[in-house]
C-alpha atoms as a PDB file:
ATOM      1  CA  MET A   1      41.854  75.392  50.755  1.00  0.00           C
ATOM      2  CA  LEU A   2      39.048  77.930  50.668  1.00  0.00           C
ATOM      3  CA  PRO A   3      36.308  77.753  48.056  1.00  0.00           C
ATOM      4  CA  PRO A   4      36.876  80.044  45.042  1.00  0.00           C
ATOM      5  CA  PHE A   5      33.948  82.375  45.849  1.00  0.00           C
ATOM      6  CA  ILE A   6      35.421  83.140  49.274  1.00  0.00           C
ATOM      7  CA  ILE A   7      38.851  83.849  47.792  1.00  0.00           C
ATOM      8  CA  GLU A   8      37.254  86.180  45.227  1.00  0.00           C
ATOM      9  CA  GLU A   9      35.337  88.017  47.969  1.00  0.00           C
ATOM     10  CA  ILE A  10      38.564  88.490  49.954  1.00  0.00           C
ATOM     11  CA  ARG A  11      40.302  89.898  46.858  1.00  0.00           C
ATOM     12  CA  LYS A  12      37.405  92.299  46.213  1.00  0.00           C
ATOM     13  CA  ARG A  13      37.496  93.571  49.797  1.00  0.00           C
ATOM     14  CA  GLU A  14      41.279  94.046  49.700  1.00  0.00           C
ATOM     15  CA  ALA A  15      41.027  95.953  46.409  1.00  0.00           C
ATOM     16  CA  GLU A  16      38.235  98.138  47.808  1.00  0.00           C
ATOM     17  CA  ARG A  17      40.244  98.866  50.951  1.00  0.00           C
ATOM     18  CA  LYS A  18      43.283  99.791  48.841  1.00  0.00           C
ATOM     19  CA  ARG A  19      41.193 102.185  46.705  1.00  0.00           C
ATOM     20  CA  ALA A  20      39.824 103.821  49.845  1.00  0.00           C
ATOM     21  CA  ASP A  21      43.371 104.276  51.196  1.00  0.00           C
ATOM     22  CA  ASP A  22      44.566 105.833  47.922  1.00  0.00           C
ATOM     23  CA  ARG A  23      41.867 108.534  47.920  1.00  0.00           C
ATOM     24  CA  PRO A  24      43.093 112.027  48.755  1.00  0.00           C
ATOM     25  CA  ARG A  25      42.018 113.209  52.193  1.00  0.00           C
ATOM     26  CA  LEU A  26      41.458 116.674  53.505  1.00  0.00           C
ATOM     27  CA  GLU A  27      43.118 117.240  56.840  1.00  0.00           C
ATOM     28  CA  LEU A  28      41.915 120.251  58.766  1.00  0.00           C
ATOM     29  CA  PRO A  29      44.407 122.284  60.775  1.00  0.00           C
ATOM     30  CA  LEU A  30      42.892 121.961  64.217  1.00  0.00           C
ATOM     31  CA  ASP A  31      44.138 123.929  67.192  1.00  0.00           C
ATOM     32  CA  LEU A  32      45.760 121.966  69.958  1.00  0.00           C
ATOM     33  CA  PRO A  33      43.698 121.744  73.138  1.00  0.00           C
ATOM     34  CA  ARG A  34      44.518 124.427  75.678  1.00  0.00           C
ATOM     35  CA  PRO A  35      46.315 123.308  78.809  1.00  0.00           C
ATOM     36  CA  ALA A  36      44.348 123.251  82.041  1.00  0.00           C
ATOM     37  CA  ILE A  37      44.160 126.561  83.878  1.00  0.00           C
ATOM     38  CA  VAL A  38      46.346 126.684  86.944  1.00  0.00           C
ATOM     39  CA  ALA A  39      45.863 129.084  89.884  1.00  0.00           C
ATOM     40  CA  ASP A  40      48.219 131.749  88.443  1.00  0.00           C
ATOM     41  CA  ASP A  41      46.433 131.775  85.097  1.00  0.00           C
ATOM     42  CA  ARG A  42      42.990 132.295  86.629  1.00  0.00           C
ATOM     43  CA  GLU A  43      43.758 135.946  87.255  1.00  0.00           C
ATOM     44  CA  LYS A  44      44.716 136.405  83.609  1.00  0.00           C
ATOM     45  CA  GLU A  45      41.551 134.633  82.477  1.00  0.00           C
ATOM     46  CA  SER A  46      39.361 137.016  84.502  1.00  0.00           C
ATOM     47  CA  GLU A  47      40.745 139.953  82.493  1.00  0.00           C
ATOM     48  CA  ARG A  48      39.396 138.554  79.237  1.00  0.00           C
ATOM     49  CA  PRO A  49      36.379 140.250  77.692  1.00  0.00           C
ATOM     50  CA  GLY A  50      32.994 138.578  78.069  1.00  0.00           C
ATOM     51  CA  VAL A  51      31.225 136.386  75.542  1.00  0.00           C
ATOM     52  CA  LEU A  52      28.891 137.893  72.966  1.00  0.00           C
ATOM     53  CA  ILE A  53      26.074 135.651  71.713  1.00  0.00           C
ATOM     54  CA  ILE A  54      24.261 136.676  68.537  1.00  0.00           C
ATOM     55  CA  ASP A  55      21.006 134.917  67.742  1.00  0.00           C
ATOM     56  CA  VAL A  56      20.522 134.492  63.996  1.00  0.00           C
ATOM     57  CA  LEU A  57      16.986 133.750  62.875  1.00  0.00           C
END
Protein backbone atom coordinates (compact mmCIF):
# COMPACT_ATOMS: atom_id res chain seq x y z
CA MET A 1 0.00 0.00 0.00
CA LEU A 2 1.20 3.49 -0.81
CA PRO A 3 1.84 6.05 1.92
CA PRO A 4 -1.07 8.47 2.49
CA PHE A 5 0.80 11.54 1.20
CA ILE A 6 1.39 9.85 -2.16
CA ILE A 7 -2.27 8.84 -2.44
CA GLU A 8 -3.31 12.43 -1.65
CA GLU A 9 -0.93 13.79 -4.30
CA ILE A 10 -2.38 11.40 -6.89
CA ARG A 11 -5.92 12.53 -6.00
CA LYS A 12 -4.92 16.20 -6.30
CA ARG A 13 -3.38 15.63 -9.73
CA GLU A 14 -6.44 13.71 -10.96
CA ALA A 15 -8.76 16.47 -9.72
CA GLU A 16 -6.60 19.13 -11.39
CA ARG A 17 -6.57 17.19 -14.66
CA LYS A 18 -10.36 16.82 -14.52
CA ARG A 19 -10.81 20.58 -13.95
CA ALA A 20 -8.54 21.32 -16.90
CA ASP A 21 -10.59 18.96 -19.11
CA ASP A 22 -13.87 20.59 -18.04
CA ARG A 23 -12.76 24.10 -19.05
CA PRO A 24 -14.37 25.46 -22.20
CA ARG A 25 -12.01 25.59 -25.16
CA LEU A 26 -12.01 27.83 -28.17
CA GLU A 27 -11.55 25.92 -31.38
CA LEU A 28 -10.56 27.98 -34.38
CA PRO A 29 -11.98 27.11 -37.78
CA LEU A 30 -8.77 26.46 -39.67
CA ASP A 31 -8.68 25.91 -43.41
CA LEU A 32 -7.67 22.49 -44.59
CA PRO A 33 -4.24 22.35 -46.21
CA ARG A 34 -4.31 22.72 -49.98
CA PRO A 35 -3.50 19.64 -52.01
CA ALA A 36 -0.17 19.53 -53.80
CA ILE A 37 -0.10 21.23 -57.18
CA VAL A 38 -0.04 18.79 -60.06
CA ALA A 39 1.19 19.61 -63.59
CA ASP A 40 -2.29 20.59 -64.87
CA ASP A 41 -2.86 23.00 -61.99
CA ARG A 42 0.42 24.84 -62.52
CA GLU A 43 -1.03 26.67 -65.50
CA LYS A 44 -3.97 27.83 -63.40
CA GLU A 45 -1.64 28.95 -60.62
CA SER A 46 0.35 31.15 -63.03
CA GLU A 47 -2.82 33.13 -63.81
CA ARG A 48 -3.19 34.24 -60.20
CA PRO A 49 -2.37 37.85 -59.36
CA GLY A 50 0.95 38.59 -57.68
CA VAL A 51 1.58 39.12 -53.99
CA LEU A 52 1.36 42.59 -52.46
CA ILE A 53 3.52 43.22 -49.38
CA ILE A 54 2.73 46.27 -47.26
CA ASP A 55 5.31 47.33 -44.70
CA VAL A 56 3.69 48.78 -41.59
CA LEU A 57 5.96 50.85 -39.37
